Amino acid sequence: MALPDPLGPDANAAAAVQELMGGKFGEMSTLMNYTFQSFNFRGRKKFRPYFDLISNIAAEEYSHIELVSATINLLLSGTTKRTNRNKSKNPKAAPLEGAKDLRNTQHFLSSAQASLPVDSMGRPWSGENVFSSGNLKLDLLHNFFLECGARANKMRVYEMVSDPCARAMVGFLLVRGGVHIVAYARALEKLTGADVGKLLPIPDVSNKKFPEAAIHEKKGLHRIMYRWSPEDYPELADVWNGVHPEDGGELIVKDEIPEGAPWPEFEEEPQLNSPGEIDPDMIKHYAKILS
């Protein structure tokens, strides 16, 4: 999806959004949980539809990391006073003075006002957040819980951050994350016979309460499972079928990959030496050595 421009720089909003990247229930966790579960899946031929489901969702999660990252970068752009390159080399000007009062100084110390694999407090994402038990029922239960936790965090970030760029991102991910919740519920129902869908929604607030999510649900995006590789995930429809547990609409598998959006163009930040000047003499020197 294409993100709207933020109303202006908002480093503290970016810090809150970081939880959706590197928090325990963030997109780094969903991506890496499902990736390692798919790598480690035993009995793949016997339980093919469940392997296809987990692997296919892992593929989609990569785009969610991109979306959260772009939102963070847009919110951070211009949060400190930009100076020209000559002035930025004078440390007396203290162009980053305002950054010391912001919630997540790692955005300025460890990156050039850009996203990192950390949570809202700047703590690094950890591989300890990956759960891959080797037991299919247990992994599916964990994934269902992980997606419900992620949904709760998205709602809290939405209520914390009013910027339209951040809210558009959260609204879209509420819908697509909702697909993953229903998918794992359906998988558990197929595997065990338990009526997991009766638990939904968790938390007990409909996506339709969020305008930025409701626009996507009107298009039926909450009922579509995109098949990110038709050759690799042929049995998705064996799990993703029937009706949506909240509105009764038909669950659909689509082979057409949805159209993406251009990556935002981020301005230089000279006060952070980003991207840094090119030294023509150095380029000539190493070109001569390499040739």
Protein backbone atom coordinates (compact mmCIF):
# COMPACT_ATOMS: atom_id res chain seq x y z
CA MET A 1 0.00 0.00 0.00
CA ALA A 2 1.06 3.61 -0.56
CA LEU A 3 1.59 5.55 2.66
CA PRO A 4 0.28 9.10 3.01
CA ASP A 5 2.80 11.77 3.97
CA PRO A 6 2.98 12.41 7.71
CA LEU A 7 1.71 15.73 9.03
CA GLY A 8 5.27 16.49 10.07
CA PRO A 9 8.27 15.00 11.82
CA ASP A 10 7.33 13.07 14.97
CA ALA A 11 10.19 11.14 16.55
CA ASN A 12 8.14 10.04 19.55
CA ALA A 13 5.47 8.58 17.28
CA ALA A 14 8.24 6.75 15.41
CA ALA A 15 9.45 5.36 18.75
CA ALA A 16 5.96 3.96 19.46
CA VAL A 17 5.74 2.43 15.98
CA GLN A 18 9.08 0.69 16.60
CA GLU A 19 7.18 -1.71 18.89
CA LEU A 20 5.44 -3.04 15.78
CA MET A 21 8.85 -3.75 14.27
CA GLY A 22 11.07 -5.16 17.01
CA GLY A 23 8.76 -5.78 19.96
CA LYS A 24 7.91 -9.25 21.23
CA PHE A 25 4.76 -9.23 19.09
CA GLY A 26 6.26 -7.17 16.24
CA GLU A 27 6.75 -7.99 12.57
CA MET A 28 10.30 -9.23 13.17
CA SER A 29 8.84 -11.87 15.48
CA THR A 30 6.08 -12.99 13.13
CA LEU A 31 8.49 -13.19 10.17
CA MET A 32 11.17 -15.14 12.01
CA ASN A 33 8.78 -17.47 13.86
CA TYR A 34 7.08 -18.60 10.66
CA THR A 35 10.34 -18.68 8.69
CA PHE A 36 12.06 -21.03 11.13
CA GLN A 37 8.94 -23.15 11.57
CA SER A 38 8.84 -23.60 7.79
CA PHE A 39 12.59 -24.38 7.65
CA ASN A 40 12.22 -26.93 10.45
CA PHE A 41 8.90 -28.49 9.41
CA ARG A 42 9.00 -32.27 9.71
CA GLY A 43 6.52 -34.51 7.93
CA ARG A 44 6.04 -31.89 5.22
CA LYS A 45 4.49 -34.27 2.70
CA LYS A 46 2.01 -35.71 5.19
CA PHE A 47 0.92 -32.32 6.55
CA ARG A 48 1.44 -30.31 3.35
CA PRO A 49 -1.46 -27.81 3.73
CA TYR A 50 -0.12 -26.63 7.11
CA PHE A 51 3.41 -26.26 5.80
CA ASP A 52 2.08 -24.27 2.86
CA LEU A 53 0.10 -22.02 5.20
CA ILE A 54 2.98 -21.22 7.57
CA SER A 55 5.48 -20.68 4.74
CA ASN A 56 3.09 -18.53 2.73
CA ILE A 57 2.35 -16.28 5.70
CA ALA A 58 6.10 -15.98 6.36
CA ALA A 59 6.53 -14.65 2.82
CA GLU A 60 3.92 -11.94 3.39
CA GLU A 61 5.51 -10.85 6.66
CA TYR A 62 8.55 -9.51 4.84
CA SER A 63 6.37 -6.86 3.17
CA HIS A 64 5.00 -5.92 6.59
CA ILE A 65 8.52 -5.21 7.86
CA GLU A 66 9.01 -2.93 4.85
CA LEU A 67 5.78 -1.09 5.58
CA VAL A 68 6.60 -0.50 9.26
CA SER A 69 10.14 0.56 8.38
CA ALA A 70 8.93 3.08 5.79
CA THR A 71 6.49 4.55 8.32
CA ILE A 72 9.20 4.96 10.95
CA ASN A 73 11.55 6.61 8.46
CA LEU A 74 8.87 9.02 7.25
CA LEU A 75 8.04 10.05 10.81
CA LEU A 76 11.73 10.58 11.64
CA SER A 77 12.65 12.58 8.54
CA GLY A 78 13.36 16.18 9.46
CA THR A 79 13.04 15.75 13.23
CA THR A 80 16.37 17.52 13.78
CA LYS A 81 17.42 20.80 12.23
CA ARG A 82 18.96 20.26 8.82
CA THR A 83 22.12 22.23 8.07
CA ASN A 84 24.18 22.45 4.93
CA ARG A 85 27.18 20.15 4.61
CA ASN A 86 29.73 22.77 5.57
CA LYS A 87 27.90 23.79 8.74
CA SER A 88 27.18 20.20 9.72
CA LYS A 89 30.92 19.61 10.04
CA ASN A 90 31.06 22.18 12.83
CA PRO A 91 30.20 20.33 16.07
CA LYS A 92 29.70 23.63 17.91
CA ALA A 93 26.42 24.09 16.05
CA ALA A 94 24.98 21.06 17.94
CA PRO A 95 22.49 20.18 15.19
CA LEU A 96 21.36 17.11 17.14
CA GLU A 97 20.78 18.90 20.43
CA GLY A 98 17.03 18.31 20.33
CA ALA A 99 17.50 14.55 19.95
CA LYS A 100 18.63 14.12 23.56
CA ASP A 101 15.09 14.88 24.76
CA LEU A 102 13.39 12.35 22.47
CA ARG A 103 12.25 8.92 23.67
CA ASN A 104 14.45 6.77 21.46
CA THR A 105 17.89 8.32 21.00
CA GLN A 106 19.01 5.16 19.17
CA HIS A 107 17.31 6.59 16.10
CA PHE A 108 19.99 9.31 16.12
CA LEU A 109 22.97 7.54 17.69
CA SER A 110 22.75 4.19 15.87
CA SER A 111 21.09 5.19 12.61
CA ALA A 112 20.54 8.31 10.56
CA GLN A 113 17.00 8.96 11.83
CA ALA A 114 15.84 5.60 10.52
CA SER A 115 14.22 2.33 11.57
CA LEU A 116 16.06 -0.36 13.52
CA PRO A 117 15.19 -3.93 14.64
CA VAL A 118 14.37 -2.69 18.15
CA ASP A 119 11.26 -2.18 20.26
CA SER A 120 9.68 1.10 21.42
CA MET A 121 12.29 1.48 24.16
CA GLY A 122 15.26 0.80 21.88
CA ARG A 123 15.84 -2.76 23.08
CA PRO A 124 17.17 -4.98 20.24
CA TRP A 125 14.93 -7.66 18.81
CA SER A 126 16.12 -11.10 19.92
CA GLY A 127 16.06 -14.58 18.48
CA GLU A 128 14.70 -15.63 21.87
CA ASN A 129 11.33 -14.50 20.47
CA VAL A 130 11.36 -17.41 18.00
CA PHE A 131 9.26 -20.45 18.89
CA SER A 132 9.70 -23.55 16.77
CA SER A 133 8.73 -26.59 18.83
CA GLY A 134 8.48 -29.20 16.07
CA ASN A 135 4.95 -30.03 17.27
CA LEU A 136 2.43 -28.81 14.70
CA LYS A 137 -0.46 -28.28 17.10
CA LEU A 138 1.74 -26.39 19.53
CA ASP A 139 3.29 -24.20 16.82
CA LEU A 140 -0.16 -23.31 15.43
CA LEU A 141 -1.42 -22.43 18.92
CA HIS A 142 1.64 -20.25 19.45
CA ASN A 143 1.16 -18.53 16.08
CA PHE A 144 -2.50 -17.83 16.86
CA PHE A 145 -1.47 -16.30 20.21
CA LEU A 146 1.36 -14.33 18.55
CA GLU A 147 -0.97 -12.80 15.97
CA CYS A 148 -3.58 -11.91 18.63
CA GLY A 149 -0.86 -10.24 20.70
CA ALA A 150 0.31 -8.37 17.63
CA ARG A 151 -3.25 -7.19 17.00
CA ALA A 152 -3.52 -5.84 20.55
CA ASN A 153 -0.27 -3.90 20.14
CA LYS A 154 -1.37 -2.46 16.80
CA MET A 155 -4.56 -1.16 18.41
CA ARG A 156 -2.61 0.44 21.25
CA VAL A 157 -0.18 2.12 18.86
CA TYR A 158 -3.16 3.38 16.82
CA GLU A 159 -4.66 4.94 19.97
CA MET A 160 -1.28 6.42 20.92
CA VAL A 161 -0.34 7.95 17.56
CA SER A 162 -2.68 10.24 15.63
CA ASP A 163 -0.51 10.87 12.56
CA PRO A 164 -2.30 9.76 9.36
CA CYS A 165 0.80 8.00 8.01
CA ALA A 166 1.12 5.80 11.10
CA ARG A 167 -2.62 5.15 11.31
CA ALA A 168 -2.83 4.16 7.63
CA MET A 169 -0.06 1.62 8.18
CA VAL A 170 -1.67 0.24 11.34
CA GLY A 171 -5.09 0.02 9.67
CA PHE A 172 -3.71 -2.02 6.79
CA LEU A 173 -1.79 -4.35 9.11
CA LEU A 174 -4.85 -4.87 11.31
CA VAL A 175 -6.60 -6.29 8.25
CA ARG A 176 -3.74 -8.40 6.93
CA GLY A 177 -2.76 -9.57 10.42
CA GLY A 178 -6.42 -10.44 10.89
CA VAL A 179 -6.14 -12.78 7.91
CA HIS A 180 -3.29 -14.56 9.67
CA ILE A 181 -5.31 -14.87 12.89
CA VAL A 182 -8.21 -16.47 11.03
CA ALA A 183 -5.79 -18.67 9.08
CA TYR A 184 -4.25 -20.14 12.22
CA ALA A 185 -7.70 -20.54 13.75
CA ARG A 186 -8.84 -22.46 10.64
CA ALA A 187 -5.69 -24.60 10.75
CA LEU A 188 -6.34 -25.55 14.38
CA GLU A 189 -9.98 -26.32 13.56
CA LYS A 190 -8.97 -28.57 10.65
CA LEU A 191 -6.31 -30.32 12.73
CA THR A 192 -8.26 -30.78 15.98
CA GLY A 193 -11.95 -30.06 15.44
CA ALA A 194 -11.90 -27.27 18.06
CA ASP A 195 -14.09 -24.27 17.13
CA VAL A 196 -11.34 -21.67 17.56
CA GLY A 197 -13.19 -19.10 15.47
CA LYS A 198 -15.65 -18.55 18.33
CA LEU A 199 -12.85 -16.81 20.25
CA LEU A 200 -12.58 -14.02 17.68
CA PRO A 201 -12.06 -11.13 17.62
CA ILE A 202 -9.24 -10.81 20.17
CA PRO A 203 -9.23 -8.10 21.55
CA ASP A 204 -13.00 -7.83 21.33
CA VAL A 205 -13.03 -4.81 18.97
CA SER A 206 -13.93 -5.10 15.29
CA ASN A 207 -11.52 -3.82 12.64
CA LYS A 208 -14.49 -1.90 11.29
CA LYS A 209 -14.13 0.49 14.25
CA PHE A 210 -10.88 1.74 12.69
CA PRO A 211 -11.56 3.83 9.55
CA GLU A 212 -8.15 3.02 8.07
CA ALA A 213 -8.89 -0.71 8.42
CA ALA A 214 -12.55 -0.52 7.41
CA ILE A 215 -11.68 0.80 3.92
CA HIS A 216 -9.70 -2.39 3.24
CA GLU A 217 -12.36 -4.68 4.69
CA LYS A 218 -14.93 -3.08 2.36
CA LYS A 219 -12.77 -4.37 -0.50
CA GLY A 220 -12.78 -7.85 1.05
CA LEU A 221 -9.07 -7.79 1.88
CA HIS A 222 -9.73 -9.53 5.21
CA ARG A 223 -11.05 -12.61 3.37
CA ILE A 224 -8.22 -13.01 0.83
CA MET A 225 -5.17 -15.22 1.28
CA TYR A 226 -2.64 -14.32 -1.41
CA ARG A 227 -0.58 -17.24 -2.65
CA TRP A 228 2.90 -15.72 -2.76
CA SER A 229 4.32 -18.62 -4.76
CA PRO A 230 1.81 -20.70 -6.75
CA GLU A 231 4.46 -23.35 -7.45
CA ASP A 232 5.48 -23.76 -3.80
CA TYR A 233 2.21 -23.47 -1.86
CA PRO A 234 -0.37 -25.43 -3.88
CA GLU A 235 -2.52 -26.69 -0.96
CA LEU A 236 -3.40 -23.42 0.80
CA ALA A 237 -7.07 -23.78 -0.05
CA ASP A 238 -7.24 -27.00 1.96
CA VAL A 239 -6.99 -24.80 5.07
CA TRP A 240 -8.13 -21.37 3.87
CA ASN A 241 -11.73 -22.14 2.95
CA GLY A 242 -15.22 -21.79 4.36
CA VAL A 243 -16.52 -18.52 5.80
CA HIS A 244 -15.00 -15.71 7.81
CA PRO A 245 -15.91 -16.19 11.50
CA GLU A 246 -16.87 -12.53 12.02
CA ASP A 247 -18.88 -11.53 8.94
CA GLY A 248 -19.64 -14.85 7.21
CA GLY A 249 -17.97 -13.85 3.93
CA GLU A 250 -16.30 -16.50 1.78
CA LEU A 251 -12.58 -17.11 2.31
CA ILE A 252 -10.68 -16.85 -0.99
CA VAL A 253 -7.19 -17.86 -2.16
CA LYS A 254 -5.80 -15.62 -4.92
CA ASP A 255 -2.77 -16.36 -7.06
CA GLU A 256 -2.48 -12.76 -8.26
CA ILE A 257 0.19 -10.90 -6.30
CA PRO A 258 -1.21 -7.53 -5.15
CA GLU A 259 0.37 -4.44 -6.65
CA GLY A 260 2.95 -2.75 -4.45
CA ALA A 261 3.74 0.92 -3.96
CA PRO A 262 6.89 2.97 -4.65
CA TRP A 263 9.39 3.14 -1.81
CA PRO A 264 9.35 6.66 -0.29
CA GLU A 265 12.26 8.92 -1.17
CA PHE A 266 13.98 10.04 2.03
CA GLU A 267 15.89 13.31 2.02
CA GLU A 268 19.51 13.54 3.04
CA GLU A 269 20.22 14.38 6.67
CA PRO A 270 23.54 16.29 6.54
CA GLN A 271 23.60 16.81 10.32
CA LEU A 272 23.85 13.02 10.62
CA ASN A 273 26.38 12.67 7.79
CA SER A 274 23.76 10.74 5.86
CA PRO A 275 24.37 9.52 3.25
CA GLY A 276 27.84 11.11 3.45
CA GLU A 277 29.89 12.87 0.83
CA ILE A 278 31.63 11.13 -2.03
CA ASP A 279 35.38 11.76 -2.19
CA PRO A 280 36.30 11.77 -5.93
CA ASP A 281 40.00 11.28 -5.19
CA MET A 282 39.26 8.21 -3.06
CA ILE A 283 37.09 6.74 -5.84
CA LYS A 284 39.92 7.29 -8.36
CA HIS A 285 42.46 5.76 -5.97
CA TYR A 286 40.51 2.53 -5.43
CA ALA A 287 39.43 2.33 -9.07
CA LYS A 288 43.09 2.39 -10.05
CA ILE A 289 43.91 -0.37 -7.53
CA LEU A 290 41.01 -2.57 -8.63
CA SER A 291 41.82 -2.18 -12.31
